[in-house]
Amino acid sequence: MDIESFREYCLSLPGTTEGIKWEHLCFMIEEKIYIIIAIEEGTRFSIKCNPDDFDTLTARDGISQAYHLAKRQWIQVENLDVLNDKELKERVADSRAMVLAKLPKKTQAKYAENNS
């Protein structure tokens, strides 16, 4: 997946906004970051992960603990080609869901799947 397709996918998720923080492109929900991309350095990005998946993910080539982020909760992926498109989209959706789950119930309700 190229960076534009990745960006379009992220922005297609309800409530997602983008912004620049620490000279990195960030995708957020309710101003809470769920993806950070070092766009000046290619397509390396950090994404929130389930701590139960951390060891399995970081055992793979191109994936490591994300620097300066919560241990075992964020991974750094070397580039967009490390994960196939299907897994990349699943990881993005999961990261967003984990961040959303930490927000107040009223805020979560705005993004509930069955909300019309």
PDB file of N, CA and C in Angstrom:
ATOM      1  N   MET A   1       0.849  -1.167   0.000  1.00  0.00           N
ATOM      2  CA  MET A   1       0.000   0.000   0.000  1.00  0.00           C
ATOM      3  C   MET A   1       0.900   1.237   0.000  1.00  0.00           C
ATOM      4  N   ASP A   2       0.562   2.213  -0.809  1.00  0.00           N
ATOM      5  CA  ASP A   2       1.367   3.440  -0.821  1.00  0.00           C
ATOM      6  C   ASP A   2       0.835   4.408   0.240  1.00  0.00           C
ATOM      7  N   ILE A   3       1.582   5.462   0.498  1.00  0.00           N
ATOM      8  CA  ILE A   3       1.258   6.382   1.584  1.00  0.00           C
ATOM      9  C   ILE A   3      -0.081   7.084   1.358  1.00  0.00           C
ATOM     10  N   GLU A   4      -0.404   7.412   0.106  1.00  0.00           N
ATOM     11  CA  GLU A   4      -1.688   8.085  -0.157  1.00  0.00           C
ATOM     12  C   GLU A   4      -2.867   7.157   0.114  1.00  0.00           C
ATOM     13  N   SER A   5      -2.756   5.892  -0.300  1.00  0.00           N
ATOM     14  CA  SER A   5      -3.825   4.922  -0.033  1.00  0.00           C
ATOM     15  C   SER A   5      -3.965   4.698   1.468  1.00  0.00           C
ATOM     16  N   PHE A   6      -2.836   4.644   2.153  1.00  0.00           N
ATOM     17  CA  PHE A   6      -2.843   4.469   3.602  1.00  0.00           C
ATOM     18  C   PHE A   6      -3.543   5.654   4.268  1.00  0.00           C
ATOM     19  N   ARG A   7      -3.179   6.850   3.841  1.00  0.00           N
ATOM     20  CA  ARG A   7      -3.792   8.069   4.382  1.00  0.00           C
ATOM     21  C   ARG A   7      -5.298   8.066   4.127  1.00  0.00           C
ATOM     22  N   GLU A   8      -5.703   7.743   2.902  1.00  0.00           N
ATOM     23  CA  GLU A   8      -7.134   7.713   2.563  1.00  0.00           C
ATOM     24  C   GLU A   8      -7.879   6.703   3.430  1.00  0.00           C
ATOM     25  N   TYR A   9      -7.268   5.532   3.650  1.00  0.00           N
ATOM     26  CA  TYR A   9      -7.923   4.529   4.492  1.00  0.00           C
ATOM     27  C   TYR A   9      -8.101   5.063   5.918  1.00  0.00           C
ATOM     28  N   CYS A  10      -7.034   5.605   6.485  1.00  0.00           N
ATOM     29  CA  CYS A  10      -7.121   6.129   7.857  1.00  0.00           C
ATOM     30  C   CYS A  10      -8.210   7.187   7.965  1.00  0.00           C
ATOM     31  N   LEU A  11      -8.233   8.117   7.018  1.00  0.00           N
ATOM     32  CA  LEU A  11      -9.219   9.194   7.060  1.00  0.00           C
ATOM     33  C   LEU A  11     -10.637   8.709   6.788  1.00  0.00           C
ATOM     34  N   SER A  12     -10.781   7.508   6.240  1.00  0.00           N
ATOM     35  CA  SER A  12     -12.124   6.959   5.989  1.00  0.00           C
ATOM     36  C   SER A  12     -12.763   6.417   7.277  1.00  0.00           C
ATOM     37  N   LEU A  13     -11.953   6.222   8.312  1.00  0.00           N
ATOM     38  CA  LEU A  13     -12.487   5.704   9.573  1.00  0.00           C
ATOM     39  C   LEU A  13     -13.185   6.834  10.323  1.00  0.00           C
ATOM     40  N   PRO A  14     -14.396   6.585  10.819  1.00  0.00           N
ATOM     41  CA  PRO A  14     -15.187   7.642  11.472  1.00  0.00           C
ATOM     42  C   PRO A  14     -14.419   8.362  12.577  1.00  0.00           C
ATOM     43  N   GLY A  15     -14.462   9.683  12.510  1.00  0.00           N
ATOM     44  CA  GLY A  15     -13.855  10.507  13.545  1.00  0.00           C
ATOM     45  C   GLY A  15     -12.365  10.732  13.405  1.00  0.00           C
ATOM     46  N   THR A  16     -11.736  10.154  12.383  1.00  0.00           N
ATOM     47  CA  THR A  16     -10.289  10.303  12.227  1.00  0.00           C
ATOM     48  C   THR A  16      -9.934  11.679  11.676  1.00  0.00           C
ATOM     49  N   THR A  17      -8.934  12.275  12.322  1.00  0.00           N
ATOM     50  CA  THR A  17      -8.364  13.528  11.835  1.00  0.00           C
ATOM     51  C   THR A  17      -6.861  13.314  11.687  1.00  0.00           C
ATOM     52  N   GLU A  18      -6.214  14.227  10.980  1.00  0.00           N
ATOM     53  CA  GLU A  18      -4.773  14.129  10.835  1.00  0.00           C
ATOM     54  C   GLU A  18      -4.136  15.438  11.267  1.00  0.00           C
ATOM     55  N   GLY A  19      -2.897  15.348  11.667  1.00  0.00           N
ATOM     56  CA  GLY A  19      -2.170  16.543  12.070  1.00  0.00           C
ATOM     57  C   GLY A  19      -0.694  16.225  12.186  1.00  0.00           C
ATOM     58  N   ILE A  20       0.100  17.271  12.359  1.00  0.00           N
ATOM     59  CA  ILE A  20       1.540  17.108  12.512  1.00  0.00           C
ATOM     60  C   ILE A  20       1.900  17.359  13.978  1.00  0.00           C
ATOM     61  N   LYS A  21       2.565  16.394  14.588  1.00  0.00           N
ATOM     62  CA  LYS A  21       3.061  16.522  15.960  1.00  0.00           C
ATOM     63  C   LYS A  21       4.485  15.977  15.965  1.00  0.00           C
ATOM     64  N   TRP A  22       5.380  16.703  16.590  1.00  0.00           N
ATOM     65  CA  TRP A  22       6.785  16.284  16.655  1.00  0.00           C
ATOM     66  C   TRP A  22       7.358  16.024  15.263  1.00  0.00           C
ATOM     67  N   GLU A  23       6.916  16.808  14.284  1.00  0.00           N
ATOM     68  CA  GLU A  23       7.347  16.686  12.887  1.00  0.00           C
ATOM     69  C   GLU A  23       6.979  15.342  12.270  1.00  0.00           C
ATOM     70  N   HIS A  24       5.942  14.701  12.792  1.00  0.00           N
ATOM     71  CA  HIS A  24       5.437  13.443  12.261  1.00  0.00           C
ATOM     72  C   HIS A  24       3.958  13.607  11.921  1.00  0.00           C
ATOM     73  N   LEU A  25       3.524  12.890  10.889  1.00  0.00           N
ATOM     74  CA  LEU A  25       2.111  12.863  10.538  1.00  0.00           C
ATOM     75  C   LEU A  25       1.391  11.932  11.505  1.00  0.00           C
ATOM     76  N   CYS A  26       0.337  12.423  12.114  1.00  0.00           N
ATOM     77  CA  CYS A  26      -0.412  11.628  13.090  1.00  0.00           C
ATOM     78  C   CYS A  26      -1.860  11.488  12.655  1.00  0.00           C
ATOM     79  N   PHE A  27      -2.412  10.310  12.873  1.00  0.00           N
ATOM     80  CA  PHE A  27      -3.840  10.092  12.691  1.00  0.00           C
ATOM     81  C   PHE A  27      -4.427   9.910  14.074  1.00  0.00           C
ATOM     82  N   MET A  28      -5.541  10.614  14.319  1.00  0.00           N
ATOM     83  CA  MET A  28      -6.102  10.691  15.661  1.00  0.00           C
ATOM     84  C   MET A  28      -7.607  10.505  15.644  1.00  0.00           C
ATOM     85  N   ILE A  29      -8.124  10.123  16.796  1.00  0.00           N
ATOM     86  CA  ILE A  29      -9.564  10.154  17.031  1.00  0.00           C
ATOM     87  C   ILE A  29      -9.748  10.966  18.303  1.00  0.00           C
ATOM     88  N   GLU A  30     -10.586  11.993  18.216  1.00  0.00           N
ATOM     89  CA  GLU A  30     -10.797  12.893  19.359  1.00  0.00           C
ATOM     90  C   GLU A  30      -9.470  13.425  19.903  1.00  0.00           C
ATOM     91  N   GLU A  31      -8.556  13.767  18.987  1.00  0.00           N
ATOM     92  CA  GLU A  31      -7.251  14.332  19.336  1.00  0.00           C
ATOM     93  C   GLU A  31      -6.308  13.345  20.038  1.00  0.00           C
ATOM     94  N   LYS A  32      -6.667  12.071  20.086  1.00  0.00           N
ATOM     95  CA  LYS A  32      -5.808  11.038  20.675  1.00  0.00           C
ATOM     96  C   LYS A  32      -5.173  10.254  19.523  1.00  0.00           C
ATOM     97  N   ILE A  33      -3.859  10.197  19.528  1.00  0.00           N
ATOM     98  CA  ILE A  33      -3.110   9.580  18.424  1.00  0.00           C
ATOM     99  C   ILE A  33      -3.257   8.062  18.424  1.00  0.00           C
ATOM    100  N   TYR A  34      -3.490   7.506  17.221  1.00  0.00           N
ATOM    101  CA  TYR A  34      -3.442   6.051  17.093  1.00  0.00           C
ATOM    102  C   TYR A  34      -2.438   5.584  16.036  1.00  0.00           C
ATOM    103  N   ILE A  35      -1.892   6.505  15.250  1.00  0.00           N
ATOM    104  CA  ILE A  35      -0.810   6.179  14.313  1.00  0.00           C
ATOM    105  C   ILE A  35       0.107   7.401  14.201  1.00  0.00           C
ATOM    106  N   ILE A  36       1.411   7.153  14.210  1.00  0.00           N
ATOM    107  CA  ILE A  36       2.404   8.210  13.997  1.00  0.00           C
ATOM    108  C   ILE A  36       3.303   7.750  12.856  1.00  0.00           C
ATOM    109  N   ILE A  37       3.445   8.603  11.828  1.00  0.00           N
ATOM    110  CA  ILE A  37       4.278   8.248  10.672  1.00  0.00           C
ATOM    111  C   ILE A  37       5.416   9.249  10.529  1.00  0.00           C
ATOM    112  N   ALA A  38       6.618   8.723  10.403  1.00  0.00           N
ATOM    113  CA  ALA A  38       7.800   9.568  10.180  1.00  0.00           C
ATOM    114  C   ALA A  38       7.930   9.828   8.689  1.00  0.00           C
ATOM    115  N   ILE A  39       7.100  10.724   8.171  1.00  0.00           N
ATOM    116  CA  ILE A  39       7.043  10.928   6.715  1.00  0.00           C
ATOM    117  C   ILE A  39       8.338  11.476   6.124  1.00  0.00           C
ATOM    118  N   GLU A  40       9.145  12.126   6.937  1.00  0.00           N
ATOM    119  CA  GLU A  40      10.435  12.629   6.443  1.00  0.00           C
ATOM    120  C   GLU A  40      11.430  11.487   6.246  1.00  0.00           C
ATOM    121  N   GLU A  41      11.129  10.329   6.797  1.00  0.00           N
ATOM    122  CA  GLU A  41      12.056   9.189   6.749  1.00  0.00           C
ATOM    123  C   GLU A  41      11.442   7.988   6.021  1.00  0.00           C
ATOM    124  N   GLY A  42      10.628   8.219   5.027  1.00  0.00           N
ATOM    125  CA  GLY A  42       9.976   7.124   4.325  1.00  0.00           C
ATOM    126  C   GLY A  42       8.599   6.877   4.904  1.00  0.00           C
ATOM    127  N   THR A  43       8.237   5.606   5.089  1.00  0.00           N
ATOM    128  CA  THR A  43       6.892   5.303   5.590  1.00  0.00           C
ATOM    129  C   THR A  43       6.931   4.518   6.894  1.00  0.00           C
ATOM    130  N   ARG A  44       7.997   4.675   7.685  1.00  0.00           N
ATOM    131  CA  ARG A  44       8.062   4.025   8.993  1.00  0.00           C
ATOM    132  C   ARG A  44       6.956   4.612   9.863  1.00  0.00           C
ATOM    133  N   PHE A  45       6.244   3.736  10.578  1.00  0.00           N
ATOM    134  CA  PHE A  45       5.170   4.240  11.418  1.00  0.00           C
ATOM    135  C   PHE A  45       5.076   3.451  12.712  1.00  0.00           C
ATOM    136  N   SER A  46       4.462   4.090  13.709  1.00  0.00           N
ATOM    137  CA  SER A  46       4.195   3.449  14.991  1.00  0.00           C
ATOM    138  C   SER A  46       2.696   3.367  15.168  1.00  0.00           C
ATOM    139  N   ILE A  47       2.266   2.250  15.748  1.00  0.00           N
ATOM    140  CA  ILE A  47       0.841   1.976  15.884  1.00  0.00           C
ATOM    141  C   ILE A  47       0.597   1.243  17.196  1.00  0.00           C
ATOM    142  N   LYS A  48      -0.521   1.521  17.800  1.00  0.00           N
ATOM    143  CA  LYS A  48      -0.873   0.875  19.063  1.00  0.00           C
ATOM    144  C   LYS A  48      -1.199  -0.602  18.776  1.00  0.00           C
ATOM    145  N   CYS A  49      -0.818  -1.482  19.708  1.00  0.00           N
ATOM    146  CA  CYS A  49      -1.128  -2.898  19.537  1.00  0.00           C
ATOM    147  C   CYS A  49      -1.613  -3.480  20.853  1.00  0.00           C
ATOM    148  N   ASN A  50      -2.286  -4.591  20.755  1.00  0.00           N
ATOM    149  CA  ASN A  50      -2.726  -5.321  21.936  1.00  0.00           C
ATOM    150  C   ASN A  50      -1.476  -5.919  22.591  1.00  0.00           C
ATOM    151  N   PRO A  51      -1.263  -5.692  23.895  1.00  0.00           N
ATOM    152  CA  PRO A  51      -0.071  -6.240  24.555  1.00  0.00           C
ATOM    153  C   PRO A  51       0.060  -7.761  24.397  1.00  0.00           C
ATOM    154  N   ASP A  52      -1.065  -8.461  24.237  1.00  0.00           N
ATOM    155  CA  ASP A  52      -1.022  -9.917  24.032  1.00  0.00           C
ATOM    156  C   ASP A  52      -0.396 -10.294  22.690  1.00  0.00           C
ATOM    157  N   ASP A  53      -0.447  -9.379  21.714  1.00  0.00           N
ATOM    158  CA  ASP A  53       0.118  -9.633  20.381  1.00  0.00           C
ATOM    159  C   ASP A  53       1.549  -9.127  20.242  1.00  0.00           C
ATOM    160  N   PHE A  54       2.025  -8.396  21.244  1.00  0.00           N
ATOM    161  CA  PHE A  54       3.311  -7.701  21.135  1.00  0.00           C
ATOM    162  C   PHE A  54       4.471  -8.640  20.789  1.00  0.00           C
ATOM    163  N   ASP A  55       4.630  -9.722  21.526  1.00  0.00           N
ATOM    164  CA  ASP A  55       5.763 -10.625  21.294  1.00  0.00           C
ATOM    165  C   ASP A  55       5.721 -11.248  19.901  1.00  0.00           C
ATOM    166  N   THR A  56       4.554 -11.661  19.470  1.00  0.00           N
ATOM    167  CA  THR A  56       4.402 -12.258  18.143  1.00  0.00           C
ATOM    168  C   THR A  56       4.741 -11.242  17.059  1.00  0.00           C
ATOM    169  N   LEU A  57       4.255 -10.029  17.230  1.00  0.00           N
ATOM    170  CA  LEU A  57       4.513  -8.992  16.223  1.00  0.00           C
ATOM    171  C   LEU A  57       5.987  -8.602  16.172  1.00  0.00           C
ATOM    172  N   THR A  58       6.595  -8.368  17.329  1.00  0.00           N
ATOM    173  CA  THR A  58       7.988  -7.912  17.330  1.00  0.00           C
ATOM    174  C   THR A  58       8.981  -9.008  16.950  1.00  0.00           C
ATOM    175  N   ALA A  59       8.519 -10.254  16.900  1.00  0.00           N
ATOM    176  CA  ALA A  59       9.376 -11.348  16.430  1.00  0.00           C
ATOM    177  C   ALA A  59       9.496 -11.334  14.902  1.00  0.00           C
ATOM    178  N   ARG A  60       8.627 -10.586  14.249  1.00  0.00           N
ATOM    179  CA  ARG A  60       8.631 -10.513  12.784  1.00  0.00           C
ATOM    180  C   ARG A  60       9.652  -9.495  12.290  1.00  0.00           C
ATOM    181  N   ASP A  61      10.215  -9.758  11.117  1.00  0.00           N
ATOM    182  CA  ASP A  61      11.153  -8.817  10.499  1.00  0.00           C
ATOM    183  C   ASP A  61      10.439  -7.502  10.216  1.00  0.00           C
ATOM    184  N   GLY A  62      11.105  -6.394  10.541  1.00  0.00           N
ATOM    185  CA  GLY A  62      10.561  -5.074  10.230  1.00  0.00           C
ATOM    186  C   GLY A  62       9.642  -4.500  11.293  1.00  0.00           C
ATOM    187  N   ILE A  63       9.468  -5.216  12.425  1.00  0.00           N
ATOM    188  CA  ILE A  63       8.591  -4.727  13.493  1.00  0.00           C
ATOM    189  C   ILE A  63       9.367  -4.753  14.810  1.00  0.00           C
ATOM    190  N   SER A  64       9.295  -3.654  15.566  1.00  0.00           N
ATOM    191  CA  SER A  64       9.991  -3.562  16.846  1.00  0.00           C
ATOM    192  C   SER A  64       9.178  -2.725  17.826  1.00  0.00           C
ATOM    193  N   GLN A  65       9.652  -2.672  19.060  1.00  0.00           N
ATOM    194  CA  GLN A  65       9.045  -1.789  20.063  1.00  0.00           C
ATOM    195  C   GLN A  65       9.164  -0.355  19.549  1.00  0.00           C
ATOM    196  N   ALA A  66       8.085   0.407  19.629  1.00  0.00           N
ATOM    197  CA  ALA A  66       8.132   1.816  19.213  1.00  0.00           C
ATOM    198  C   ALA A  66       8.895   2.635  20.246  1.00  0.00           C
ATOM    199  N   TYR A  67       9.788   3.472  19.767  1.00  0.00           N
ATOM    200  CA  TYR A  67      10.579   4.329  20.648  1.00  0.00           C
ATOM    201  C   TYR A  67       9.704   5.383  21.301  1.00  0.00           C
ATOM    202  N   HIS A  68       9.982   5.680  22.551  1.00  0.00           N
ATOM    203  CA  HIS A  68       9.333   6.768  23.291  1.00  0.00           C
ATOM    204  C   HIS A  68       7.834   6.576  23.493  1.00  0.00           C
ATOM    205  N   LEU A  69       7.333   5.384  23.284  1.00  0.00           N
ATOM    206  CA  LEU A  69       5.901   5.126  23.486  1.00  0.00           C
ATOM    207  C   LEU A  69       5.747   3.973  24.476  1.00  0.00           C
ATOM    208  N   ALA A  70       4.548   3.813  25.024  1.00  0.00           N
ATOM    209  CA  ALA A  70       4.298   2.822  26.075  1.00  0.00           C
ATOM    210  C   ALA A  70       4.821   1.439  25.695  1.00  0.00           C
ATOM    211  N   LYS A  71       5.644   0.888  26.563  1.00  0.00           N
ATOM    212  CA  LYS A  71       6.229  -0.434  26.336  1.00  0.00           C
ATOM    213  C   LYS A  71       5.141  -1.485  26.146  1.00  0.00           C
ATOM    214  N   ARG A  72       5.347  -2.337  25.162  1.00  0.00           N
ATOM    215  CA  ARG A  72       4.481  -3.474  24.850  1.00  0.00           C
ATOM    216  C   ARG A  72       3.076  -3.063  24.387  1.00  0.00           C
ATOM    217  N   GLN A  73       2.871  -1.760  24.179  1.00  0.00           N
ATOM    218  CA  GLN A  73       1.565  -1.297  23.715  1.00  0.00           C
ATOM    219  C   GLN A  73       1.637  -0.605  22.352  1.00  0.00           C
ATOM    220  N   TRP A  74       2.847  -0.277  21.919  1.00  0.00           N
ATOM    221  CA  TRP A  74       3.046   0.358  20.618  1.00  0.00           C
ATOM    222  C   TRP A  74       4.178  -0.357  19.893  1.00  0.00           C
ATOM    223  N   ILE A  75       3.983  -0.593  18.605  1.00  0.00           N
ATOM    224  CA  ILE A  75       5.032  -1.179  17.776  1.00  0.00           C
ATOM    225  C   ILE A  75       5.437  -0.185  16.696  1.00  0.00           C
ATOM    226  N   GLN A  76       6.656  -0.335  16.227  1.00  0.00           N
ATOM    227  CA  GLN A  76       7.130   0.448  15.093  1.00  0.00           C
ATOM    228  C   GLN A  76       7.279  -0.502  13.914  1.00  0.00           C
ATOM    229  N   VAL A  77       6.689  -0.117  12.791  1.00  0.00           N
ATOM    230  CA  VAL A  77       6.743  -0.930  11.575  1.00  0.00           C
ATOM    231  C   VAL A  77       7.628  -0.177  10.583  1.00  0.00           C
ATOM    232  N   GLU A  78       8.634  -0.869  10.076  1.00  0.00           N
ATOM    233  CA  GLU A  78       9.673  -0.240   9.256  1.00  0.00           C
ATOM    234  C   GLU A  78       9.125   0.484   8.022  1.00  0.00           C
ATOM    235  N   ASN A  79       8.129  -0.096   7.363  1.00  0.00           N
ATOM    236  CA  ASN A  79       7.503   0.582   6.218  1.00  0.00           C
ATOM    237  C   ASN A  79       6.157  -0.073   5.925  1.00  0.00           C
ATOM    238  N   LEU A  80       5.401   0.521   5.021  1.00  0.00           N
ATOM    239  CA  LEU A  80       4.047   0.051   4.723  1.00  0.00           C
ATOM    240  C   LEU A  80       4.016  -1.319   4.062  1.00  0.00           C
ATOM    241  N   ASP A  81       5.169  -1.793   3.561  1.00  0.00           N
ATOM    242  CA  ASP A  81       5.217  -3.093   2.896  1.00  0.00           C
ATOM    243  C   ASP A  81       5.439  -4.263   3.857  1.00  0.00           C
ATOM    244  N   VAL A  82       5.733  -3.986   5.123  1.00  0.00           N
ATOM    245  CA  VAL A  82       5.974  -5.064   6.090  1.00  0.00           C
ATOM    246  C   VAL A  82       4.694  -5.892   6.305  1.00  0.00           C
ATOM    247  N   LEU A  83       3.548  -5.222   6.294  1.00  0.00           N
ATOM    248  CA  LEU A  83       2.258  -5.903   6.470  1.00  0.00           C
ATOM    249  C   LEU A  83       1.505  -5.878   5.145  1.00  0.00           C
ATOM    250  N   ASN A  84       0.781  -6.958   4.835  1.00  0.00           N
ATOM    251  CA  ASN A  84      -0.023  -6.922   3.617  1.00  0.00           C
ATOM    252  C   ASN A  84      -1.205  -5.964   3.848  1.00  0.00           C
ATOM    253  N   ASP A  85      -1.863  -5.551   2.775  1.00  0.00           N
ATOM    254  CA  ASP A  85      -2.915  -4.534   2.880  1.00  0.00           C
ATOM    255  C   ASP A  85      -4.014  -4.918   3.872  1.00  0.00           C
ATOM    256  N   LYS A  86      -4.425  -6.186   3.841  1.00  0.00           N
ATOM    257  CA  LYS A  86      -5.497  -6.643   4.732  1.00  0.00           C
ATOM    258  C   LYS A  86      -5.073  -6.524   6.195  1.00  0.00           C
ATOM    259  N   GLU A  87      -3.874  -7.010   6.526  1.00  0.00           N
ATOM    260  CA  GLU A  87      -3.412  -6.935   7.913  1.00  0.00           C
ATOM    261  C   GLU A  87      -3.155  -5.483   8.327  1.00  0.00           C
ATOM    262  N   LEU A  88      -2.626  -4.686   7.411  1.00  0.00           N
ATOM    263  CA  LEU A  88      -2.377  -3.282   7.710  1.00  0.00           C
ATOM    264  C   LEU A  88      -3.688  -2.584   8.091  1.00  0.00           C
ATOM    265  N   LYS A  89      -4.728  -2.808   7.310  1.00  0.00           N
ATOM    266  CA  LYS A  89      -6.035  -2.200   7.614  1.00  0.00           C
ATOM    267  C   LYS A  89      -6.584  -2.705   8.943  1.00  0.00           C
ATOM    268  N   GLU A  90      -6.415  -3.997   9.218  1.00  0.00           N
ATOM    269  CA  GLU A  90      -6.880  -4.556  10.492  1.00  0.00           C
ATOM    270  C   GLU A  90      -6.124  -3.930  11.661  1.00  0.00           C
ATOM    271  N   ARG A  91      -4.813  -3.784  11.523  1.00  0.00           N
ATOM    272  CA  ARG A  91      -4.001  -3.193  12.600  1.00  0.00           C
ATOM    273  C   ARG A  91      -4.392  -1.735  12.840  1.00  0.00           C
ATOM    274  N   VAL A  92      -4.645  -0.991  11.767  1.00  0.00           N
ATOM    275  CA  VAL A  92      -5.073   0.402  11.895  1.00  0.00           C
ATOM    276  C   VAL A  92      -6.420   0.470  12.626  1.00  0.00           C
ATOM    277  N   ALA A  93      -7.365  -0.353  12.201  1.00  0.00           N
ATOM    278  CA  ALA A  93      -8.691  -0.359  12.835  1.00  0.00           C
ATOM    279  C   ALA A  93      -8.584  -0.766  14.307  1.00  0.00           C
ATOM    280  N   ASP A  94      -7.742  -1.747  14.605  1.00  0.00           N
ATOM    281  CA  ASP A  94      -7.557  -2.188  15.995  1.00  0.00           C
ATOM    282  C   ASP A  94      -6.929  -1.082  16.844  1.00  0.00           C
ATOM    283  N   SER A  95      -5.930  -0.392  16.289  1.00  0.00           N
ATOM    284  CA  SER A  95      -5.274   0.684  17.018  1.00  0.00           C
ATOM    285  C   SER A  95      -6.284   1.780  17.354  1.00  0.00           C
ATOM    286  N   ARG A  96      -7.071   2.152  16.357  1.00  0.00           N
ATOM    287  CA  ARG A  96      -8.111   3.164  16.560  1.00  0.00           C
ATOM    288  C   ARG A  96      -9.088   2.714  17.641  1.00  0.00           C
ATOM    289  N   ALA A  97      -9.511   1.453  17.582  1.00  0.00           N
ATOM    290  CA  ALA A  97     -10.475   0.916  18.552  1.00  0.00           C
ATOM    291  C   ALA A  97      -9.898   0.922  19.969  1.00  0.00           C
ATOM    292  N   MET A  98      -8.608   0.610  20.101  1.00  0.00           N
ATOM    293  CA  MET A  98      -7.986   0.602  21.437  1.00  0.00           C
ATOM    294  C   MET A  98      -7.920   2.016  22.025  1.00  0.00           C
ATOM    295  N   VAL A  99      -7.609   2.988  21.183  1.00  0.00           N
ATOM    296  CA  VAL A  99      -7.572   4.377  21.647  1.00  0.00           C
ATOM    297  C   VAL A  99      -8.987   4.841  21.992  1.00  0.00           C
ATOM    298  N   LEU A 100      -9.945   4.525  21.140  1.00  0.00           N
ATOM    299  CA  LEU A 100     -11.335   4.905  21.380  1.00  0.00           C
ATOM    300  C   LEU A 100     -11.858   4.298  22.679  1.00  0.00           C
ATOM    301  N   ALA A 101     -11.465   3.070  22.980  1.00  0.00           N
ATOM    302  CA  ALA A 101     -11.937   2.385  24.187  1.00  0.00           C
ATOM    303  C   ALA A 101     -11.491   3.082  25.469  1.00  0.00           C
ATOM    304  N   LYS A 102     -10.448   3.902  25.389  1.00  0.00           N
ATOM    305  CA  LYS A 102      -9.942   4.635  26.565  1.00  0.00           C
ATOM    306  C   LYS A 102     -10.661   5.974  26.764  1.00  0.00           C
ATOM    307  N   LEU A 103     -11.471   6.367  25.793  1.00  0.00           N
ATOM    308  CA  LEU A 103     -12.179   7.643  25.872  1.00  0.00           C
ATOM    309  C   LEU A 103     -13.482   7.479  26.655  1.00  0.00           C
ATOM    310  N   PRO A 104     -14.072   8.586  27.117  1.00  0.00           N
ATOM    311  CA  PRO A 104     -15.325   8.493  27.877  1.00  0.00           C
ATOM    312  C   PRO A 104     -16.428   7.767  27.091  1.00  0.00           C
ATOM    313  N   LYS A 105     -17.308   7.088  27.833  1.00  0.00           N
ATOM    314  CA  LYS A 105     -18.393   6.301  27.210  1.00  0.00           C
ATOM    315  C   LYS A 105     -19.228   7.153  26.261  1.00  0.00           C
ATOM    316  N   LYS A 106     -19.502   8.390  26.631  1.00  0.00           N
ATOM    317  CA  LYS A 106     -20.303   9.274  25.788  1.00  0.00           C
ATOM    318  C   LYS A 106     -19.604   9.509  24.440  1.00  0.00           C
ATOM    319  N   THR A 107     -18.291   9.681  24.486  1.00  0.00           N
ATOM    320  CA  THR A 107     -17.507   9.861  23.267  1.00  0.00           C
ATOM    321  C   THR A 107     -17.507   8.577  22.442  1.00  0.00           C
ATOM    322  N   GLN A 108     -17.333   7.432  23.108  1.00  0.00           N
ATOM    323  CA  GLN A 108     -17.353   6.149  22.404  1.00  0.00           C
ATOM    324  C   GLN A 108     -18.679   5.944  21.692  1.00  0.00           C
ATOM    325  N   ALA A 109     -19.771   6.363  22.329  1.00  0.00           N
ATOM    326  CA  ALA A 109     -21.111   6.167  21.764  1.00  0.00           C
ATOM    327  C   ALA A 109     -21.259   6.899  20.429  1.00  0.00           C
ATOM    328  N   LYS A 110     -20.549   8.014  20.268  1.00  0.00           N
ATOM    329  CA  LYS A 110     -20.615   8.762  18.999  1.00  0.00           C
ATOM    330  C   LYS A 110     -20.124   7.922  17.823  1.00  0.00           C
ATOM    331  N   TYR A 111     -19.248   6.963  18.112  1.00  0.00           N
ATOM    332  CA  TYR A 111     -18.631   6.152  17.061  1.00  0.00           C
ATOM    333  C   TYR A 111     -19.063   4.698  17.073  1.00  0.00           C
ATOM    334  N   ALA A 112     -20.097   4.386  17.836  1.00  0.00           N
ATOM    335  CA  ALA A 112     -20.580   2.999  17.923  1.00  0.00           C
ATOM    336  C   ALA A 112     -20.936   2.503  16.523  1.00  0.00           C
ATOM    337  N   GLU A 113     -20.572   1.249  16.267  1.00  0.00           N
ATOM    338  CA  GLU A 113     -20.782   0.646  14.925  1.00  0.00           C
ATOM    339  C   GLU A 113     -22.234   0.746  14.449  1.00  0.00           C
ATOM    340  N   ASN A 114     -23.166   0.579  15.355  1.00  0.00           N
ATOM    341  CA  ASN A 114     -24.585   0.544  14.965  1.00  0.00           C
ATOM    342  C   ASN A 114     -25.226   1.920  14.969  1.00  0.00           C
ATOM    343  N   ASN A 115     -24.449   2.958  15.223  1.00  0.00           N
ATOM    344  CA  ASN A 115     -24.960   4.320  15.239  1.00  0.00           C
ATOM    345  C   ASN A 115     -25.344   4.725  13.825  1.00  0.00           C
ATOM    346  N   SER A 116     -26.506   5.333  13.673  1.00  0.00           N
ATOM    347  CA  SER A 116     -26.896   5.742  12.306  1.00  0.00           C
ATOM    348  C   SER A 116     -26.774   7.227  12.111  1.00  0.00           C
TER     349      SER A 116
END
